[in-house]
Structures are given as C-alpha cells and as structure tokens.
C-alpha cells in the first residue's frame, strides 16, 4: 500500500471539489471561440454615363481590387484589416459578435461607402461594399 493522504474533512473535500471544478471550467474558457466566415464584394458604379433599358451588361458595376476595409468590434477595437482581391471579393473569419465594416477611400473613386453593420452568428455572405465612380 502506498503513502496515505492526510484526512481533509468535509470542508476540505468541498474545497478540493471546488478547485477541480474551477480547473475544468478554466480549460473550457481557454478553448477556441466559434468563428464564422464572412464574405463580400466591393464594386464601383455607375460605369456608363447613361442608363439604358434593358440594362447594358457592359455598364455593370466593376470590381474594386485592393480596397481596404477595417473591421471594428463593439468596443471600438480594430480586429481585422481586409484587402479585396482582384475580383473585388473578400473574406474574413470572425468570432460570433457584432462588427462595423469601415471601407476606406480608394484613389480614383469619388465616394467612400458608409460603414456597414454586420452581426456574425453563423456564416455571413453578401456583404455589399458599393463605391461611387462619380460618373453621371
């Protein structure tokens, strides 16, 4: 038989049990938070000075490559900086929560889109970032 442990009594047993539960809870708290993919498209329009009926596909909005979009959480902290791909698309993985997507000015485009509020509670698709070309 190995060495015996000292008797801890009822209060000691409760204390030890509480320590074990706290240790287990600490492990759960350090696990990775659920994250979800957020995807969108940055585009600029109009691309033609006159709108036609039916719409001319040559006048569709064009993608905005290299646009910078800041992602800010509810505490005002910058949590990500996104750069759009050549086709204007972007993706970012974020934990569950509410975020503000803040598009930054793009040289050669007249208008900068307003901030976009996004709630991440699952995959989010279709975040639309519409720049203005200034063509009228």
N, C-alpha and C. Protein backbone atom coordinates (compact mmCIF):
# COMPACT_ATOMS: atom_id res chain seq x y z
N UNK A 1 0.83 -1.16 0.00
CA UNK A 1 0.00 0.00 0.00
C UNK A 1 0.89 1.24 0.00
N UNK A 2 0.48 2.28 -0.77
CA UNK A 2 1.28 3.48 -0.90
C UNK A 2 1.09 4.40 0.27
N UNK A 3 1.72 5.56 0.21
CA UNK A 3 1.58 6.51 1.32
C UNK A 3 0.15 7.01 1.42
N UNK A 4 -0.30 7.25 2.60
CA UNK A 4 -1.67 7.71 2.80
C UNK A 4 -1.71 9.24 2.76
N UNK A 5 -2.83 9.72 2.29
CA UNK A 5 -3.03 11.17 2.24
C UNK A 5 -3.66 11.61 3.54
N UNK A 6 -3.36 12.81 3.99
CA UNK A 6 -3.96 13.28 5.23
C UNK A 6 -5.47 13.45 5.06
N UNK A 7 -6.21 13.24 6.09
CA UNK A 7 -7.65 13.42 6.06
C UNK A 7 -7.93 14.92 5.93
N UNK A 8 -8.90 15.26 5.06
CA UNK A 8 -9.18 16.68 4.85
C UNK A 8 -10.51 17.10 5.46
N UNK A 9 -11.32 16.20 5.86
CA UNK A 9 -12.60 16.54 6.46
C UNK A 9 -13.60 16.99 5.40
N UNK A 10 -14.82 17.24 5.80
CA UNK A 10 -15.90 17.59 4.88
C UNK A 10 -15.62 18.93 4.19
N UNK A 11 -15.17 19.94 4.95
CA UNK A 11 -14.89 21.24 4.35
C UNK A 11 -13.74 21.15 3.35
N UNK A 12 -12.74 20.41 3.69
CA UNK A 12 -11.60 20.23 2.80
C UNK A 12 -12.01 19.52 1.52
N UNK A 13 -12.90 18.53 1.62
CA UNK A 13 -13.36 17.80 0.44
C UNK A 13 -14.14 18.74 -0.48
N UNK A 14 -14.95 19.61 0.10
CA UNK A 14 -15.71 20.57 -0.71
C UNK A 14 -14.75 21.53 -1.39
N UNK A 15 -13.72 21.98 -0.67
CA UNK A 15 -12.73 22.88 -1.25
C UNK A 15 -11.99 22.22 -2.41
N UNK A 16 -11.57 20.98 -2.23
CA UNK A 16 -10.87 20.26 -3.29
C UNK A 16 -11.79 20.08 -4.50
N UNK A 17 -13.05 19.74 -4.26
CA UNK A 17 -14.01 19.57 -5.36
C UNK A 17 -14.18 20.90 -6.11
N UNK A 18 -14.25 22.00 -5.38
CA UNK A 18 -14.41 23.31 -6.00
C UNK A 18 -13.18 23.65 -6.84
N UNK A 19 -11.99 23.32 -6.34
CA UNK A 19 -10.78 23.56 -7.12
C UNK A 19 -10.78 22.75 -8.41
N UNK A 20 -11.19 21.49 -8.33
CA UNK A 20 -11.25 20.65 -9.53
C UNK A 20 -12.25 21.20 -10.54
N UNK A 21 -13.41 21.63 -10.08
CA UNK A 21 -14.40 22.21 -10.99
C UNK A 21 -13.88 23.50 -11.63
N UNK A 22 -13.21 24.32 -10.85
CA UNK A 22 -12.67 25.56 -11.39
C UNK A 22 -11.61 25.26 -12.44
N UNK A 23 -10.79 24.24 -12.19
CA UNK A 23 -9.77 23.87 -13.17
C UNK A 23 -10.41 23.40 -14.46
N UNK A 24 -11.48 22.63 -14.36
CA UNK A 24 -12.17 22.17 -15.56
C UNK A 24 -12.80 23.34 -16.29
N UNK A 25 -13.40 24.27 -15.57
CA UNK A 25 -14.02 25.43 -16.19
C UNK A 25 -12.96 26.29 -16.87
N UNK A 26 -11.79 26.39 -16.26
CA UNK A 26 -10.71 27.15 -16.86
C UNK A 26 -10.30 26.56 -18.19
N UNK A 27 -10.29 25.24 -18.29
CA UNK A 27 -9.96 24.60 -19.56
C UNK A 27 -11.00 24.95 -20.61
N UNK A 28 -12.27 24.96 -20.23
CA UNK A 28 -13.34 25.28 -21.18
C UNK A 28 -13.23 26.74 -21.63
N UNK A 29 -12.84 27.62 -20.73
CA UNK A 29 -12.76 29.04 -21.06
C UNK A 29 -11.62 29.32 -22.03
N UNK A 30 -10.61 28.48 -22.05
CA UNK A 30 -9.48 28.75 -22.93
C UNK A 30 -9.63 28.07 -24.28
N UNK A 31 -10.72 27.35 -24.50
CA UNK A 31 -10.91 26.74 -25.81
C UNK A 31 -11.23 27.83 -26.83
N UNK A 32 -11.02 27.52 -28.08
CA UNK A 32 -11.22 28.49 -29.15
C UNK A 32 -12.70 28.84 -29.29
N UNK A 33 -12.98 30.13 -29.43
CA UNK A 33 -14.35 30.58 -29.65
C UNK A 33 -14.78 30.19 -31.05
N UNK A 34 -16.07 29.98 -31.23
CA UNK A 34 -16.60 29.66 -32.56
C UNK A 34 -16.36 30.84 -33.48
N UNK A 35 -15.86 30.55 -34.67
CA UNK A 35 -15.65 31.59 -35.67
C UNK A 35 -16.44 31.25 -36.92
N UNK A 36 -16.74 32.26 -37.71
CA UNK A 36 -17.52 32.08 -38.93
C UNK A 36 -16.91 32.90 -40.05
N UNK A 37 -17.08 32.41 -41.26
CA UNK A 37 -16.58 33.08 -42.44
C UNK A 37 -17.55 34.18 -42.86
N UNK A 38 -17.01 35.35 -43.12
CA UNK A 38 -17.78 36.48 -43.63
C UNK A 38 -17.21 36.79 -45.01
N UNK A 39 -18.08 36.88 -46.01
CA UNK A 39 -17.61 37.17 -47.36
C UNK A 39 -18.43 38.28 -47.99
N UNK A 40 -17.80 39.00 -48.91
CA UNK A 40 -18.49 40.10 -49.55
C UNK A 40 -17.84 40.49 -50.86
N UNK A 41 -18.33 41.61 -51.40
CA UNK A 41 -17.90 42.08 -52.71
C UNK A 41 -17.86 43.60 -52.70
N UNK A 42 -16.73 44.14 -53.15
CA UNK A 42 -16.59 45.60 -53.30
C UNK A 42 -16.65 45.91 -54.79
N UNK A 43 -17.53 46.85 -55.14
CA UNK A 43 -17.73 47.20 -56.55
C UNK A 43 -17.93 48.70 -56.67
N UNK A 44 -17.75 49.19 -57.91
CA UNK A 44 -17.89 50.62 -58.17
C UNK A 44 -18.81 50.83 -59.36
N UNK A 45 -19.66 51.82 -59.25
CA UNK A 45 -20.57 52.16 -60.32
C UNK A 45 -21.07 53.58 -60.11
N UNK A 46 -21.74 54.15 -61.03
CA UNK A 46 -22.02 53.59 -62.35
C UNK A 46 -20.76 53.61 -63.23
N UNK A 47 -20.79 52.79 -64.29
CA UNK A 47 -19.65 52.73 -65.20
C UNK A 47 -19.97 53.33 -66.56
N UNK A 48 -21.22 53.67 -66.80
CA UNK A 48 -21.64 54.33 -68.04
C UNK A 48 -22.42 55.60 -67.68
N UNK A 49 -22.31 56.65 -68.50
CA UNK A 49 -22.98 57.91 -68.17
C UNK A 49 -24.50 57.88 -68.38
N UNK A 50 -24.99 56.91 -69.14
CA UNK A 50 -26.42 56.85 -69.42
C UNK A 50 -26.92 55.45 -69.12
N UNK A 51 -28.03 55.37 -68.41
CA UNK A 51 -28.65 54.08 -68.12
C UNK A 51 -29.54 53.71 -69.29
N UNK A 52 -29.45 52.45 -69.71
CA UNK A 52 -30.28 52.01 -70.84
C UNK A 52 -31.27 50.95 -70.39
N UNK A 53 -32.36 50.83 -71.18
CA UNK A 53 -33.37 49.81 -70.91
C UNK A 53 -33.52 48.97 -72.17
N UNK A 54 -33.26 47.70 -72.11
CA UNK A 54 -32.79 46.94 -70.94
C UNK A 54 -31.36 47.33 -70.59
N UNK A 55 -30.95 47.01 -69.35
CA UNK A 55 -29.60 47.38 -68.92
C UNK A 55 -28.52 46.74 -69.81
N UNK A 56 -27.50 47.51 -70.10
CA UNK A 56 -26.37 47.04 -70.90
C UNK A 56 -25.37 46.35 -69.97
N UNK A 57 -25.08 45.05 -70.18
CA UNK A 57 -24.12 44.34 -69.31
C UNK A 57 -22.73 45.01 -69.29
N UNK A 58 -22.39 45.73 -70.35
CA UNK A 58 -21.10 46.43 -70.38
C UNK A 58 -21.06 47.56 -69.36
N UNK A 59 -22.22 47.95 -68.85
CA UNK A 59 -22.30 49.04 -67.88
C UNK A 59 -22.45 48.54 -66.44
N UNK A 60 -22.30 47.23 -66.23
CA UNK A 60 -22.37 46.69 -64.87
C UNK A 60 -21.28 47.31 -64.00
N UNK A 61 -21.54 47.38 -62.70
CA UNK A 61 -20.50 47.84 -61.77
C UNK A 61 -19.26 47.00 -61.97
N UNK A 62 -18.11 47.61 -61.70
CA UNK A 62 -16.85 46.89 -61.84
C UNK A 62 -16.30 46.55 -60.45
N UNK A 63 -15.55 45.44 -60.35
CA UNK A 63 -14.95 45.11 -59.05
C UNK A 63 -13.92 46.15 -58.63
N UNK A 64 -13.72 46.28 -57.34
CA UNK A 64 -12.72 47.20 -56.81
C UNK A 64 -11.62 46.37 -56.14
N UNK A 65 -10.52 46.14 -56.87
CA UNK A 65 -9.42 45.38 -56.27
C UNK A 65 -8.60 46.26 -55.34
N UNK A 66 -8.05 45.67 -54.30
CA UNK A 66 -7.15 46.39 -53.40
C UNK A 66 -7.80 47.36 -52.44
N UNK A 67 -9.13 47.34 -52.36
CA UNK A 67 -9.81 48.22 -51.40
C UNK A 67 -9.51 47.73 -49.98
N UNK A 68 -9.31 48.66 -49.07
CA UNK A 68 -9.05 48.34 -47.67
C UNK A 68 -10.35 48.50 -46.88
N UNK A 69 -10.65 47.50 -46.05
CA UNK A 69 -11.83 47.56 -45.20
C UNK A 69 -11.39 47.21 -43.79
N UNK A 70 -11.68 48.11 -42.86
CA UNK A 70 -11.36 47.86 -41.45
C UNK A 70 -12.56 47.21 -40.78
N UNK A 71 -12.30 46.25 -39.90
CA UNK A 71 -13.35 45.58 -39.14
C UNK A 71 -13.15 45.96 -37.68
N UNK A 72 -14.20 46.56 -37.10
CA UNK A 72 -14.14 47.11 -35.75
C UNK A 72 -15.19 46.42 -34.89
N UNK A 73 -14.81 46.01 -33.68
CA UNK A 73 -15.78 45.35 -32.80
C UNK A 73 -16.56 46.40 -32.00
N UNK A 74 -17.48 45.93 -31.15
CA UNK A 74 -18.37 46.85 -30.43
C UNK A 74 -17.63 47.71 -29.40
N UNK A 75 -16.42 47.30 -29.02
CA UNK A 75 -15.66 48.12 -28.07
C UNK A 75 -14.85 49.20 -28.80
N UNK A 76 -14.91 49.19 -30.15
CA UNK A 76 -14.18 50.18 -30.93
C UNK A 76 -12.78 49.73 -31.33
N UNK A 77 -12.44 48.48 -31.02
CA UNK A 77 -11.12 47.96 -31.36
C UNK A 77 -11.07 47.45 -32.79
N UNK A 78 -9.99 47.74 -33.46
CA UNK A 78 -9.76 47.20 -34.81
C UNK A 78 -9.40 45.73 -34.66
N UNK A 79 -10.20 44.85 -35.27
CA UNK A 79 -9.95 43.41 -35.14
C UNK A 79 -9.43 42.78 -36.42
N UNK A 80 -9.59 43.46 -37.55
CA UNK A 80 -9.08 42.93 -38.82
C UNK A 80 -9.00 44.05 -39.85
N UNK A 81 -8.08 43.88 -40.77
CA UNK A 81 -7.98 44.75 -41.94
C UNK A 81 -8.04 43.84 -43.15
N UNK A 82 -8.99 44.11 -44.03
CA UNK A 82 -9.21 43.26 -45.20
C UNK A 82 -8.77 44.02 -46.43
N UNK A 83 -8.20 43.31 -47.39
CA UNK A 83 -7.92 43.89 -48.71
C UNK A 83 -8.65 43.05 -49.73
N UNK A 84 -9.43 43.71 -50.59
CA UNK A 84 -10.19 42.97 -51.59
C UNK A 84 -9.26 42.39 -52.65
N UNK A 85 -9.68 41.24 -53.18
CA UNK A 85 -8.92 40.57 -54.24
C UNK A 85 -9.14 41.28 -55.57
N UNK A 86 -8.46 40.79 -56.61
CA UNK A 86 -8.58 41.39 -57.95
C UNK A 86 -10.02 41.40 -58.46
N UNK A 87 -10.82 40.43 -58.03
CA UNK A 87 -12.22 40.36 -58.49
C UNK A 87 -13.17 41.10 -57.55
N UNK A 88 -12.63 41.86 -56.58
CA UNK A 88 -13.44 42.65 -55.66
C UNK A 88 -13.97 41.88 -54.46
N UNK A 89 -13.74 40.58 -54.41
CA UNK A 89 -14.27 39.79 -53.30
C UNK A 89 -13.33 39.85 -52.10
N UNK A 90 -13.88 39.53 -50.94
CA UNK A 90 -13.08 39.45 -49.72
C UNK A 90 -13.71 38.44 -48.78
N UNK A 91 -12.89 37.90 -47.89
CA UNK A 91 -13.36 37.03 -46.83
C UNK A 91 -12.56 37.35 -45.56
N UNK A 92 -13.20 37.09 -44.44
CA UNK A 92 -12.54 37.23 -43.15
C UNK A 92 -13.25 36.27 -42.19
N UNK A 93 -12.51 35.68 -41.29
CA UNK A 93 -13.08 34.80 -40.28
C UNK A 93 -13.13 35.56 -38.96
N UNK A 94 -14.33 35.60 -38.36
CA UNK A 94 -14.54 36.38 -37.13
C UNK A 94 -15.29 35.56 -36.10
N UNK A 95 -15.02 35.81 -34.82
CA UNK A 95 -15.82 35.18 -33.76
C UNK A 95 -17.26 35.74 -33.78
N UNK A 96 -18.16 35.02 -33.16
CA UNK A 96 -19.54 35.47 -33.03
C UNK A 96 -19.53 36.85 -32.38
N UNK A 97 -20.35 37.76 -32.92
CA UNK A 97 -20.44 39.11 -32.36
C UNK A 97 -20.91 40.10 -33.40
N UNK A 98 -20.95 41.36 -33.00
CA UNK A 98 -21.36 42.45 -33.89
C UNK A 98 -20.12 43.24 -34.29
N UNK A 99 -20.07 43.63 -35.55
CA UNK A 99 -18.91 44.33 -36.09
C UNK A 99 -19.35 45.46 -37.01
N UNK A 100 -18.46 46.44 -37.16
CA UNK A 100 -18.64 47.50 -38.13
C UNK A 100 -17.56 47.32 -39.19
N UNK A 101 -17.97 47.22 -40.46
CA UNK A 101 -17.04 47.16 -41.57
C UNK A 101 -16.92 48.59 -42.09
N UNK A 102 -15.70 49.14 -42.05
CA UNK A 102 -15.47 50.53 -42.42
C UNK A 102 -14.60 50.59 -43.68
N UNK A 103 -15.23 50.71 -44.87
CA UNK A 103 -14.45 50.83 -46.10
C UNK A 103 -13.62 52.11 -46.08
N UNK A 104 -12.42 52.02 -46.63
CA UNK A 104 -11.52 53.16 -46.70
C UNK A 104 -11.56 53.76 -48.11
N UNK A 105 -11.20 55.03 -48.26
CA UNK A 105 -11.21 55.66 -49.59
C UNK A 105 -10.30 54.91 -50.57
N UNK A 106 -10.72 54.91 -51.84
CA UNK A 106 -9.93 54.30 -52.91
C UNK A 106 -9.60 55.40 -53.91
N UNK A 107 -8.32 55.53 -54.22
CA UNK A 107 -7.89 56.55 -55.17
C UNK A 107 -8.58 56.33 -56.51
N UNK A 108 -9.11 57.44 -57.08
CA UNK A 108 -9.78 57.37 -58.38
C UNK A 108 -11.28 57.18 -58.28
N UNK A 109 -11.77 56.90 -57.09
CA UNK A 109 -13.22 56.77 -56.90
C UNK A 109 -13.70 57.95 -56.07
N UNK A 110 -14.87 58.45 -56.44
CA UNK A 110 -15.37 59.68 -55.84
C UNK A 110 -15.92 59.48 -54.43
N UNK A 111 -16.65 58.44 -54.21
CA UNK A 111 -17.31 58.26 -52.92
C UNK A 111 -16.81 57.05 -52.17
N UNK A 112 -16.78 57.19 -50.86
CA UNK A 112 -16.42 56.07 -50.00
C UNK A 112 -17.71 55.57 -49.35
N UNK A 113 -17.98 54.26 -49.43
CA UNK A 113 -19.20 53.73 -48.82
C UNK A 113 -19.25 54.01 -47.32
N UNK A 114 -20.46 54.10 -46.80
CA UNK A 114 -20.65 54.25 -45.37
C UNK A 114 -20.31 52.96 -44.64
N UNK A 115 -20.25 53.06 -43.33
CA UNK A 115 -19.97 51.88 -42.51
C UNK A 115 -21.11 50.87 -42.63
N UNK A 116 -20.75 49.60 -42.53
CA UNK A 116 -21.72 48.51 -42.68
C UNK A 116 -21.72 47.71 -41.39
N UNK A 117 -22.90 47.59 -40.77
CA UNK A 117 -23.04 46.81 -39.54
C UNK A 117 -23.27 45.35 -39.91
N UNK A 118 -22.48 44.46 -39.31
CA UNK A 118 -22.58 43.03 -39.59
C UNK A 118 -22.66 42.27 -38.28
N UNK A 119 -23.65 41.38 -38.15
CA UNK A 119 -23.76 40.52 -36.98
C UNK A 119 -23.34 39.12 -37.42
N UNK A 120 -22.33 38.60 -36.75
CA UNK A 120 -21.81 37.27 -37.05
C UNK A 120 -22.35 36.30 -36.01
N UNK A 121 -23.26 35.43 -36.45
CA UNK A 121 -23.76 34.38 -35.58
C UNK A 121 -23.83 33.06 -36.35
N UNK A 122 -23.19 33.05 -37.49
CA UNK A 122 -23.08 31.93 -38.41
C UNK A 122 -22.38 32.48 -39.64
N UNK A 123 -22.22 31.68 -40.68
CA UNK A 123 -21.58 32.21 -41.89
C UNK A 123 -22.37 33.40 -42.44
N UNK A 124 -21.67 34.43 -42.87
CA UNK A 124 -22.30 35.64 -43.41
C UNK A 124 -21.81 35.81 -44.85
N UNK A 125 -22.75 35.91 -45.78
CA UNK A 125 -22.38 36.13 -47.18
C UNK A 125 -23.08 37.38 -47.69
N UNK A 126 -22.51 37.96 -48.72
CA UNK A 126 -23.18 39.08 -49.38
C UNK A 126 -22.98 40.42 -48.75
N UNK A 127 -21.88 40.64 -48.03
CA UNK A 127 -21.61 41.98 -47.52
C UNK A 127 -21.28 42.85 -48.73
N UNK A 128 -22.10 43.85 -48.98
CA UNK A 128 -22.02 44.66 -50.20
C UNK A 128 -21.34 46.00 -49.90
N UNK A 129 -20.22 46.24 -50.58
CA UNK A 129 -19.46 47.47 -50.40
C UNK A 129 -19.49 48.21 -51.73
N UNK A 130 -20.33 49.26 -51.83
CA UNK A 130 -20.57 49.95 -53.09
C UNK A 130 -19.87 51.31 -53.12
N UNK A 131 -18.85 51.40 -53.95
CA UNK A 131 -18.13 52.66 -54.17
C UNK A 131 -18.81 53.43 -55.31
N UNK A 132 -18.60 54.75 -55.32
CA UNK A 132 -19.16 55.61 -56.36
C UNK A 132 -18.06 56.07 -57.30
N UNK A 133 -18.27 55.85 -58.59
CA UNK A 133 -17.28 56.25 -59.60
C UNK A 133 -17.35 57.75 -59.90
N UNK A 134 -18.49 58.37 -59.63
CA UNK A 134 -18.66 59.78 -59.95
C UNK A 134 -19.21 60.01 -61.35
N UNK A 135 -19.38 58.94 -62.12
CA UNK A 135 -19.93 59.08 -63.48
C UNK A 135 -21.41 59.40 -63.37
N UNK A 136 -21.85 60.43 -64.11
CA UNK A 136 -23.28 60.78 -64.10
C UNK A 136 -23.79 60.96 -65.48
